[in-house]
N, C-alpha and C. Protein backbone atom coordinates (compact mmCIF):
# COMPACT_ATOMS: atom_id res chain seq x y z
N MET A 1 117.13 272.30 56.03
CA MET A 1 116.68 273.48 56.74
C MET A 1 117.76 274.55 56.64
N TYR A 2 117.32 275.81 56.47
CA TYR A 2 118.26 276.93 56.37
C TYR A 2 118.78 277.31 57.74
N LYS A 3 120.08 277.55 57.82
CA LYS A 3 120.68 278.01 59.07
C LYS A 3 120.66 279.53 59.15
N ASP A 4 120.56 280.19 58.01
CA ASP A 4 120.59 281.64 57.96
C ASP A 4 119.38 282.11 57.16
N CYS A 5 118.46 282.83 57.82
CA CYS A 5 117.23 283.27 57.14
C CYS A 5 117.53 284.15 55.93
N LYS A 6 118.68 284.82 55.90
CA LYS A 6 119.01 285.69 54.78
C LYS A 6 119.25 284.88 53.51
N MET A 7 119.41 283.59 53.64
CA MET A 7 119.59 282.74 52.47
C MET A 7 118.27 282.53 51.74
N ILE A 8 117.18 282.77 52.40
CA ILE A 8 115.87 282.60 51.80
C ILE A 8 115.52 283.89 51.04
N HIS A 9 115.28 283.79 49.76
CA HIS A 9 115.02 284.96 48.94
C HIS A 9 113.54 285.33 48.98
N PHE A 10 113.29 286.59 49.26
CA PHE A 10 111.93 287.13 49.18
C PHE A 10 111.93 288.17 48.08
N ASN A 11 111.02 288.02 47.14
CA ASN A 11 110.87 289.04 46.12
C ASN A 11 109.81 290.03 46.59
N VAL A 12 109.81 291.18 45.97
CA VAL A 12 108.75 292.16 46.17
C VAL A 12 107.78 291.91 45.03
N PRO A 13 106.61 291.36 45.32
CA PRO A 13 105.69 290.99 44.23
C PRO A 13 105.14 292.21 43.51
N SER A 14 104.95 292.05 42.22
CA SER A 14 104.30 293.09 41.42
C SER A 14 102.79 292.94 41.56
N ARG A 15 102.09 293.90 41.05
CA ARG A 15 100.62 293.87 41.10
C ARG A 15 100.09 292.60 40.45
N GLU A 16 100.70 292.19 39.35
CA GLU A 16 100.24 291.02 38.61
C GLU A 16 100.48 289.72 39.36
N GLU A 17 101.34 289.72 40.34
CA GLU A 17 101.68 288.50 41.08
C GLU A 17 100.85 288.29 42.34
N VAL A 18 99.93 289.21 42.64
CA VAL A 18 99.14 289.09 43.86
C VAL A 18 97.67 288.86 43.52
N ASN A 19 96.91 288.44 44.51
CA ASN A 19 95.50 288.14 44.28
C ASN A 19 94.70 289.42 44.02
N PRO A 20 93.47 289.29 43.51
CA PRO A 20 92.67 290.47 43.18
C PRO A 20 92.43 291.43 44.35
N ALA A 21 92.24 290.90 45.56
CA ALA A 21 92.04 291.79 46.72
C ALA A 21 93.29 292.64 46.96
N ASN A 22 94.46 292.02 46.86
CA ASN A 22 95.70 292.77 47.04
C ASN A 22 95.97 293.71 45.87
N GLN A 23 95.55 293.33 44.67
CA GLN A 23 95.68 294.24 43.52
C GLN A 23 94.91 295.53 43.79
N SER A 24 93.71 295.39 44.35
CA SER A 24 92.90 296.56 44.68
C SER A 24 93.61 297.43 45.73
N ILE A 25 94.22 296.80 46.71
CA ILE A 25 94.96 297.55 47.73
C ILE A 25 96.16 298.24 47.10
N PHE A 26 96.87 297.55 46.21
CA PHE A 26 98.00 298.17 45.51
C PHE A 26 97.52 299.43 44.77
N ASP A 27 96.36 299.33 44.11
CA ASP A 27 95.83 300.48 43.36
C ASP A 27 95.54 301.65 44.30
N LYS A 28 94.98 301.36 45.46
CA LYS A 28 94.69 302.43 46.44
C LYS A 28 95.97 303.05 46.96
N LEU A 29 96.96 302.22 47.27
CA LEU A 29 98.25 302.74 47.74
C LEU A 29 98.92 303.59 46.66
N GLN A 30 98.88 303.10 45.43
CA GLN A 30 99.47 303.84 44.31
C GLN A 30 98.80 305.21 44.18
N SER A 31 97.48 305.23 44.30
CA SER A 31 96.73 306.47 44.17
C SER A 31 97.04 307.43 45.33
N LYS A 32 97.12 306.90 46.54
CA LYS A 32 97.31 307.73 47.74
C LYS A 32 98.76 308.17 47.93
N LEU A 33 99.70 307.24 47.73
CA LEU A 33 101.11 307.52 48.03
C LEU A 33 101.96 307.80 46.79
N GLY A 34 101.46 307.41 45.63
CA GLY A 34 102.24 307.55 44.41
C GLY A 34 103.11 306.34 44.12
N PHE A 35 103.12 305.36 45.03
CA PHE A 35 103.86 304.11 44.84
C PHE A 35 103.37 303.12 45.88
N VAL A 36 103.73 301.86 45.70
CA VAL A 36 103.42 300.82 46.67
C VAL A 36 104.72 300.52 47.41
N PRO A 37 104.83 300.92 48.68
CA PRO A 37 106.07 300.64 49.41
C PRO A 37 106.40 299.15 49.39
N ASN A 38 107.67 298.85 49.22
CA ASN A 38 108.11 297.46 49.11
C ASN A 38 107.66 296.58 50.28
N LEU A 39 107.67 297.11 51.48
CA LEU A 39 107.29 296.28 52.62
C LEU A 39 105.80 295.95 52.60
N TYR A 40 104.98 296.90 52.16
CA TYR A 40 103.56 296.60 52.00
C TYR A 40 103.39 295.54 50.91
N ALA A 41 104.07 295.73 49.79
CA ALA A 41 103.95 294.76 48.69
C ALA A 41 104.37 293.37 49.16
N THR A 42 105.40 293.29 49.96
CA THR A 42 105.86 292.00 50.47
C THR A 42 104.78 291.31 51.30
N MET A 43 103.98 292.10 52.01
CA MET A 43 102.89 291.52 52.78
C MET A 43 101.86 290.85 51.89
N ALA A 44 101.81 291.25 50.63
CA ALA A 44 100.83 290.70 49.69
C ALA A 44 101.17 289.28 49.25
N HIS A 45 102.28 288.73 49.72
CA HIS A 45 102.51 287.29 49.53
C HIS A 45 101.40 286.50 50.23
N SER A 46 100.84 287.09 51.26
CA SER A 46 99.68 286.52 51.95
C SER A 46 98.42 287.07 51.30
N ASP A 47 97.44 286.24 51.10
CA ASP A 47 96.18 286.72 50.52
C ASP A 47 95.45 287.69 51.43
N THR A 48 95.69 287.61 52.74
CA THR A 48 94.95 288.44 53.70
C THR A 48 95.84 289.35 54.55
N GLY A 49 97.15 289.10 54.57
CA GLY A 49 98.05 289.82 55.48
C GLY A 49 98.06 291.32 55.28
N LEU A 50 98.17 291.78 54.02
CA LEU A 50 98.25 293.21 53.75
C LEU A 50 96.97 293.92 54.18
N GLY A 51 95.83 293.38 53.82
CA GLY A 51 94.56 294.01 54.22
C GLY A 51 94.39 294.04 55.73
N ASN A 52 94.72 292.93 56.38
CA ASN A 52 94.61 292.89 57.84
C ASN A 52 95.54 293.90 58.50
N TYR A 53 96.77 293.97 58.00
CA TYR A 53 97.73 294.90 58.58
C TYR A 53 97.28 296.35 58.39
N LEU A 54 96.82 296.69 57.19
CA LEU A 54 96.39 298.07 56.94
C LEU A 54 95.20 298.46 57.81
N GLN A 55 94.33 297.50 58.13
CA GLN A 55 93.23 297.78 59.07
C GLN A 55 93.78 298.11 60.45
N LEU A 56 94.75 297.34 60.91
CA LEU A 56 95.38 297.63 62.20
C LEU A 56 96.02 299.01 62.17
N GLN A 57 96.79 299.27 61.14
CA GLN A 57 97.51 300.53 61.06
C GLN A 57 96.57 301.73 60.98
N ALA A 58 95.42 301.57 60.37
CA ALA A 58 94.47 302.68 60.20
C ALA A 58 93.56 302.86 61.41
N GLY A 59 93.70 302.03 62.41
CA GLY A 59 92.83 302.13 63.58
C GLY A 59 93.00 303.45 64.31
N LYS A 60 91.96 303.87 64.98
CA LYS A 60 92.00 305.11 65.75
C LYS A 60 92.90 304.94 66.96
N THR A 61 93.50 306.05 67.38
CA THR A 61 94.40 306.03 68.52
C THR A 61 94.28 307.35 69.28
N SER A 62 94.72 307.34 70.51
CA SER A 62 94.71 308.56 71.32
C SER A 62 95.98 309.39 71.10
N PHE A 63 96.90 308.90 70.29
CA PHE A 63 98.16 309.61 70.06
C PHE A 63 98.07 310.52 68.83
N SER A 64 98.79 311.64 68.89
CA SER A 64 98.91 312.53 67.73
C SER A 64 99.81 311.86 66.69
N ASN A 65 99.83 312.42 65.49
CA ASN A 65 100.71 311.88 64.45
C ASN A 65 102.17 311.96 64.89
N LYS A 66 102.56 313.03 65.57
CA LYS A 66 103.94 313.15 66.05
C LYS A 66 104.24 312.05 67.08
N GLU A 67 103.32 311.83 67.99
CA GLU A 67 103.54 310.78 68.99
C GLU A 67 103.62 309.40 68.35
N LYS A 68 102.78 309.15 67.34
CA LYS A 68 102.86 307.87 66.64
C LYS A 68 104.22 307.68 65.98
N GLU A 69 104.74 308.73 65.37
CA GLU A 69 106.05 308.62 64.73
C GLU A 69 107.16 308.43 65.76
N LEU A 70 107.03 309.07 66.90
CA LEU A 70 107.98 308.85 67.99
C LEU A 70 108.03 307.37 68.35
N ILE A 71 106.88 306.78 68.56
CA ILE A 71 106.80 305.35 68.91
C ILE A 71 107.41 304.50 67.79
N ASN A 72 107.02 304.79 66.55
CA ASN A 72 107.54 304.03 65.40
C ASN A 72 109.06 304.08 65.34
N LEU A 73 109.62 305.25 65.57
CA LEU A 73 111.07 305.41 65.48
C LEU A 73 111.80 304.71 66.63
N VAL A 74 111.28 304.83 67.85
CA VAL A 74 111.91 304.17 69.00
C VAL A 74 111.91 302.66 68.80
N VAL A 75 110.77 302.11 68.44
CA VAL A 75 110.64 300.66 68.28
C VAL A 75 111.49 300.17 67.12
N SER A 76 111.46 300.88 66.01
CA SER A 76 112.24 300.47 64.84
C SER A 76 113.73 300.53 65.10
N GLU A 77 114.16 301.51 65.87
CA GLU A 77 115.57 301.60 66.23
C GLU A 77 115.96 300.43 67.12
N PHE A 78 115.14 300.15 68.12
CA PHE A 78 115.45 299.04 69.02
C PHE A 78 115.52 297.72 68.25
N ASN A 79 114.59 297.53 67.31
CA ASN A 79 114.53 296.28 66.55
C ASN A 79 115.47 296.28 65.34
N ASN A 80 116.25 297.34 65.18
CA ASN A 80 117.27 297.41 64.14
C ASN A 80 116.69 297.17 62.75
N CYS A 81 115.58 297.83 62.46
CA CYS A 81 114.92 297.67 61.16
C CYS A 81 115.27 298.85 60.25
N ASP A 82 116.12 298.59 59.28
CA ASP A 82 116.54 299.63 58.34
C ASP A 82 115.36 300.21 57.57
N TYR A 83 114.45 299.35 57.15
CA TYR A 83 113.31 299.81 56.35
C TYR A 83 112.45 300.78 57.14
N CYS A 84 112.05 300.39 58.35
CA CYS A 84 111.15 301.22 59.15
C CYS A 84 111.83 302.48 59.66
N ARG A 85 113.12 302.40 59.96
CA ARG A 85 113.86 303.62 60.33
C ARG A 85 113.79 304.62 59.17
N ALA A 86 114.04 304.14 57.96
CA ALA A 86 114.02 305.01 56.80
C ALA A 86 112.62 305.58 56.55
N ALA A 87 111.62 304.72 56.52
CA ALA A 87 110.26 305.17 56.24
C ALA A 87 109.78 306.17 57.30
N HIS A 88 110.01 305.86 58.56
CA HIS A 88 109.49 306.72 59.61
C HIS A 88 110.33 307.97 59.84
N THR A 89 111.58 307.96 59.39
CA THR A 89 112.35 309.21 59.38
C THR A 89 111.70 310.16 58.38
N ALA A 90 111.35 309.65 57.20
CA ALA A 90 110.69 310.48 56.19
C ALA A 90 109.33 310.98 56.68
N ILE A 91 108.56 310.11 57.30
CA ILE A 91 107.23 310.50 57.78
C ILE A 91 107.35 311.48 58.95
N ALA A 92 108.33 311.28 59.83
CA ALA A 92 108.53 312.20 60.95
C ALA A 92 108.87 313.60 60.44
N LYS A 93 109.67 313.68 59.38
CA LYS A 93 109.98 314.99 58.77
C LYS A 93 108.70 315.63 58.25
N MET A 94 107.83 314.84 57.60
CA MET A 94 106.56 315.37 57.09
C MET A 94 105.67 315.86 58.22
N ASN A 95 105.87 315.31 59.45
CA ASN A 95 105.08 315.72 60.60
C ASN A 95 105.75 316.82 61.42
N GLY A 96 106.82 317.40 60.90
CA GLY A 96 107.39 318.59 61.52
C GLY A 96 108.60 318.40 62.41
N PHE A 97 109.12 317.19 62.52
CA PHE A 97 110.32 316.98 63.32
C PHE A 97 111.56 317.34 62.49
N SER A 98 112.54 317.94 63.15
CA SER A 98 113.81 318.25 62.49
C SER A 98 114.67 316.98 62.46
N GLU A 99 115.74 317.03 61.67
CA GLU A 99 116.64 315.87 61.60
C GLU A 99 117.27 315.57 62.96
N ASP A 100 117.67 316.61 63.69
CA ASP A 100 118.24 316.39 65.02
C ASP A 100 117.21 315.80 65.99
N GLN A 101 115.99 316.30 65.92
CA GLN A 101 114.93 315.75 66.79
C GLN A 101 114.67 314.28 66.46
N ILE A 102 114.71 313.93 65.19
CA ILE A 102 114.48 312.54 64.79
C ILE A 102 115.56 311.64 65.36
N LEU A 103 116.80 312.08 65.34
CA LEU A 103 117.88 311.29 65.95
C LEU A 103 117.64 311.13 67.44
N ASP A 104 117.19 312.19 68.11
CA ASP A 104 116.86 312.10 69.54
C ASP A 104 115.72 311.11 69.78
N LEU A 105 114.70 311.15 68.92
CA LEU A 105 113.57 310.22 69.07
C LEU A 105 114.05 308.78 68.92
N ARG A 106 114.82 308.52 67.89
CA ARG A 106 115.31 307.16 67.65
C ARG A 106 116.13 306.64 68.83
N ALA A 107 116.88 307.53 69.48
CA ALA A 107 117.72 307.14 70.62
C ALA A 107 116.94 307.14 71.93
N ALA A 108 115.68 307.60 71.89
CA ALA A 108 114.85 307.74 73.10
C ALA A 108 115.55 308.62 74.13
N GLN A 109 116.24 309.64 73.63
CA GLN A 109 116.96 310.59 74.48
C GLN A 109 116.52 312.00 74.11
N ILE A 110 115.43 312.41 74.72
CA ILE A 110 114.79 313.68 74.36
C ILE A 110 114.88 314.62 75.56
N ASP A 111 115.54 315.76 75.35
CA ASP A 111 115.63 316.73 76.45
C ASP A 111 114.87 318.03 76.13
N TRP A 112 114.15 318.04 75.01
CA TRP A 112 113.45 319.24 74.56
C TRP A 112 111.94 319.15 74.70
N ASN A 113 111.42 318.03 75.18
CA ASN A 113 109.97 317.90 75.38
C ASN A 113 109.75 316.79 76.42
N PRO A 114 109.41 317.15 77.66
CA PRO A 114 109.29 316.13 78.71
C PRO A 114 108.20 315.09 78.44
N LYS A 115 107.13 315.48 77.78
CA LYS A 115 106.06 314.53 77.48
C LYS A 115 106.55 313.50 76.46
N TYR A 116 107.20 313.96 75.40
CA TYR A 116 107.77 313.05 74.42
C TYR A 116 108.85 312.16 75.05
N ALA A 117 109.61 312.75 75.96
CA ALA A 117 110.68 311.97 76.62
C ALA A 117 110.07 310.81 77.41
N ALA A 118 108.99 311.06 78.13
CA ALA A 118 108.34 310.00 78.91
C ALA A 118 107.77 308.92 77.98
N LEU A 119 107.17 309.34 76.88
CA LEU A 119 106.61 308.39 75.92
C LEU A 119 107.73 307.55 75.29
N ALA A 120 108.82 308.19 74.93
CA ALA A 120 109.94 307.46 74.33
C ALA A 120 110.56 306.47 75.31
N ARG A 121 110.76 306.90 76.56
CA ARG A 121 111.37 306.00 77.55
C ARG A 121 110.47 304.80 77.83
N LEU A 122 109.16 305.01 77.92
CA LEU A 122 108.26 303.88 78.15
C LEU A 122 108.21 302.97 76.93
N SER A 123 108.17 303.53 75.74
CA SER A 123 108.16 302.72 74.52
C SER A 123 109.39 301.82 74.48
N LEU A 124 110.55 302.40 74.74
CA LEU A 124 111.79 301.64 74.73
C LEU A 124 111.79 300.58 75.84
N ALA A 125 111.33 300.95 77.03
CA ALA A 125 111.31 300.00 78.14
C ALA A 125 110.41 298.81 77.83
N ILE A 126 109.27 299.07 77.20
CA ILE A 126 108.34 297.99 76.87
C ILE A 126 108.97 297.02 75.88
N VAL A 127 109.56 297.54 74.80
CA VAL A 127 110.14 296.62 73.81
C VAL A 127 111.38 295.92 74.36
N ALA A 128 112.15 296.62 75.16
CA ALA A 128 113.40 296.03 75.67
C ALA A 128 113.13 294.95 76.72
N SER A 129 112.04 295.11 77.49
CA SER A 129 111.77 294.17 78.58
C SER A 129 110.56 293.28 78.30
N LYS A 130 110.00 293.40 77.10
CA LYS A 130 108.77 292.67 76.74
C LYS A 130 107.64 293.01 77.71
N GLY A 131 107.64 294.26 78.17
CA GLY A 131 106.56 294.76 79.02
C GLY A 131 106.72 294.50 80.50
N GLN A 132 107.84 293.97 80.90
CA GLN A 132 108.04 293.66 82.32
C GLN A 132 108.92 294.72 82.98
N ASN A 133 108.64 294.97 84.25
CA ASN A 133 109.46 295.88 85.05
C ASN A 133 109.57 297.28 84.44
N VAL A 134 108.43 297.87 84.09
CA VAL A 134 108.42 299.21 83.49
C VAL A 134 107.76 300.24 84.42
N GLU A 135 107.72 299.93 85.71
CA GLU A 135 107.00 300.78 86.65
C GLU A 135 107.53 302.21 86.68
N THR A 136 108.85 302.38 86.68
CA THR A 136 109.42 303.73 86.75
C THR A 136 109.03 304.54 85.52
N GLU A 137 109.17 303.95 84.34
CA GLU A 137 108.82 304.64 83.10
C GLU A 137 107.31 304.89 83.02
N LEU A 138 106.52 303.95 83.51
CA LEU A 138 105.07 304.11 83.51
C LEU A 138 104.65 305.26 84.42
N GLU A 139 105.30 305.39 85.55
CA GLU A 139 104.99 306.49 86.47
C GLU A 139 105.27 307.84 85.79
N SER A 140 106.39 307.97 85.12
CA SER A 140 106.72 309.21 84.39
C SER A 140 105.70 309.48 83.28
N PHE A 141 105.31 308.43 82.59
CA PHE A 141 104.32 308.51 81.52
C PHE A 141 103.01 309.11 82.06
N TYR A 142 102.54 308.58 83.18
CA TYR A 142 101.31 309.10 83.78
C TYR A 142 101.49 310.52 84.30
N GLN A 143 102.66 310.83 84.85
CA GLN A 143 102.93 312.18 85.35
C GLN A 143 102.89 313.22 84.24
N GLU A 144 103.17 312.80 83.02
CA GLU A 144 103.14 313.72 81.89
C GLU A 144 101.74 313.85 81.28
N GLY A 145 100.73 313.25 81.91
CA GLY A 145 99.36 313.43 81.46
C GLY A 145 98.79 312.30 80.63
N TYR A 146 99.58 311.27 80.37
CA TYR A 146 99.05 310.12 79.65
C TYR A 146 98.16 309.31 80.58
N THR A 147 97.28 308.51 79.99
CA THR A 147 96.28 307.76 80.74
C THR A 147 96.43 306.25 80.50
N LYS A 148 95.59 305.49 81.18
CA LYS A 148 95.57 304.04 80.95
C LYS A 148 95.16 303.74 79.51
N GLY A 149 94.29 304.55 78.95
CA GLY A 149 93.91 304.39 77.55
C GLY A 149 95.11 304.58 76.63
N HIS A 150 95.93 305.59 76.93
CA HIS A 150 97.16 305.78 76.16
C HIS A 150 98.06 304.56 76.25
N LEU A 151 98.14 303.96 77.44
CA LEU A 151 98.98 302.78 77.60
C LEU A 151 98.51 301.65 76.68
N VAL A 152 97.21 301.43 76.63
CA VAL A 152 96.67 300.39 75.74
C VAL A 152 97.02 300.73 74.29
N ASP A 153 96.81 301.99 73.89
CA ASP A 153 97.13 302.40 72.53
C ASP A 153 98.62 302.27 72.24
N LEU A 154 99.46 302.51 73.25
CA LEU A 154 100.91 302.37 73.07
C LEU A 154 101.28 300.92 72.78
N VAL A 155 100.71 300.00 73.52
CA VAL A 155 101.02 298.58 73.29
C VAL A 155 100.56 298.16 71.89
N ILE A 156 99.42 298.65 71.45
CA ILE A 156 98.94 298.35 70.09
C ILE A 156 99.89 298.95 69.06
N ALA A 157 100.33 300.19 69.27
CA ALA A 157 101.26 300.84 68.33
C ALA A 157 102.59 300.08 68.26
N ILE A 158 103.05 299.62 69.41
CA ILE A 158 104.29 298.83 69.42
C ILE A 158 104.11 297.54 68.65
N ALA A 159 102.98 296.87 68.86
CA ALA A 159 102.70 295.62 68.15
C ALA A 159 102.67 295.86 66.64
N ASP A 160 102.04 296.93 66.22
CA ASP A 160 101.99 297.31 64.80
C ASP A 160 103.40 297.40 64.25
N LYS A 161 104.27 298.11 64.95
CA LYS A 161 105.61 298.33 64.43
C LYS A 161 106.45 297.06 64.48
N VAL A 162 106.27 296.25 65.50
CA VAL A 162 107.02 294.99 65.59
C VAL A 162 106.70 294.10 64.38
N VAL A 163 105.46 294.08 63.95
CA VAL A 163 105.08 293.28 62.77
C VAL A 163 105.96 293.67 61.59
N MET A 164 106.04 294.94 61.30
CA MET A 164 106.80 295.39 60.14
C MET A 164 108.30 295.24 60.35
N ASN A 165 108.78 295.55 61.56
CA ASN A 165 110.21 295.39 61.85
C ASN A 165 110.65 293.96 61.62
N TYR A 166 109.91 293.03 62.16
CA TYR A 166 110.28 291.62 62.04
C TYR A 166 110.17 291.15 60.60
N LEU A 167 109.12 291.59 59.90
CA LEU A 167 108.97 291.17 58.51
C LEU A 167 110.16 291.64 57.67
N HIS A 168 110.56 292.88 57.86
CA HIS A 168 111.72 293.35 57.09
C HIS A 168 113.00 292.66 57.53
N ASN A 169 113.17 292.50 58.82
CA ASN A 169 114.41 291.87 59.29
C ASN A 169 114.54 290.43 58.77
N ILE A 170 113.42 289.77 58.55
CA ILE A 170 113.45 288.41 58.00
C ILE A 170 113.66 288.43 56.49
N THR A 171 112.92 289.28 55.80
CA THR A 171 112.93 289.26 54.33
C THR A 171 114.06 290.05 53.70
N GLN A 172 114.50 291.12 54.37
CA GLN A 172 115.56 291.99 53.86
C GLN A 172 115.25 292.52 52.46
N ILE A 173 113.97 292.81 52.21
CA ILE A 173 113.61 293.37 50.91
C ILE A 173 114.24 294.78 50.78
N PRO A 174 114.44 295.28 49.57
CA PRO A 174 115.09 296.58 49.38
C PRO A 174 114.30 297.72 50.04
N VAL A 175 115.04 298.64 50.64
CA VAL A 175 114.46 299.84 51.25
C VAL A 175 114.21 300.83 50.13
N ASP A 176 112.98 301.32 50.02
CA ASP A 176 112.64 302.25 48.95
C ASP A 176 112.32 303.65 49.49
N PHE A 177 112.93 304.00 50.61
CA PHE A 177 112.91 305.34 51.18
C PHE A 177 114.37 305.75 51.36
N PRO A 178 114.64 307.05 51.46
CA PRO A 178 116.02 307.46 51.74
C PRO A 178 116.48 306.85 53.07
N LEU A 179 117.66 306.27 53.08
CA LEU A 179 118.17 305.63 54.30
C LEU A 179 118.30 306.63 55.43
N ALA A 180 117.99 306.19 56.63
CA ALA A 180 118.13 307.03 57.82
C ALA A 180 119.60 307.09 58.21
N PRO A 181 120.05 308.23 58.70
CA PRO A 181 121.45 308.31 59.13
C PRO A 181 121.69 307.40 60.34
N GLU A 182 122.93 306.97 60.47
CA GLU A 182 123.31 306.12 61.61
C GLU A 182 123.28 306.95 62.89
N LEU A 183 122.92 306.30 64.00
CA LEU A 183 123.03 306.92 65.32
C LEU A 183 124.44 306.72 65.83
N GLU A 184 124.86 307.60 66.72
CA GLU A 184 126.13 307.40 67.39
C GLU A 184 126.05 306.10 68.19
N ALA A 185 127.15 305.40 68.30
CA ALA A 185 127.18 304.09 68.94
C ALA A 185 126.63 304.10 70.36
N SER A 186 126.78 305.18 71.08
CA SER A 186 126.35 305.23 72.47
C SER A 186 124.87 305.59 72.64
N ALA A 187 124.17 305.85 71.54
CA ALA A 187 122.81 306.37 71.63
C ALA A 187 121.82 305.39 72.26
N LEU A 188 121.87 304.11 71.91
CA LEU A 188 120.90 303.17 72.49
C LEU A 188 121.60 302.22 73.37
């Protein structure tokens, strides 16, 4: 038995190494994104994992694209996932966040938007406490206009990101996005 998971090698499978259903998904990703992100490709080691995950990720939500990226960045930072920090830094930029704002989002320390600040604090509290003892953050979340429906969507968004964070942290496949800058040590 391995004592260190990093000793287990995970390759990023090519299109030819995956089943026909995953080959079709690779083709769609290639067409839409211009490449197949390594972490998605890694999911194709499972005959059903990639398709199932993409269905979860494509589900409707009550959050805006900016709010989704806020959640992705907070959770990925907490879970110390280099891949997801890099990918969601790039996506957050495409959604209009500045580099400084992205650092604030990752640290869950936002002083320029009270609604985003409440969402970031609750996201961090949920992942840090596994959903326990978040009453103070939940109260602020509701005070900023979020609803019980938003709370359900937040837990689903966190679960989505935890899947990818953990998969990368286990596999350590190469990051194929520009690396995200380091946060100051005191940020989280």
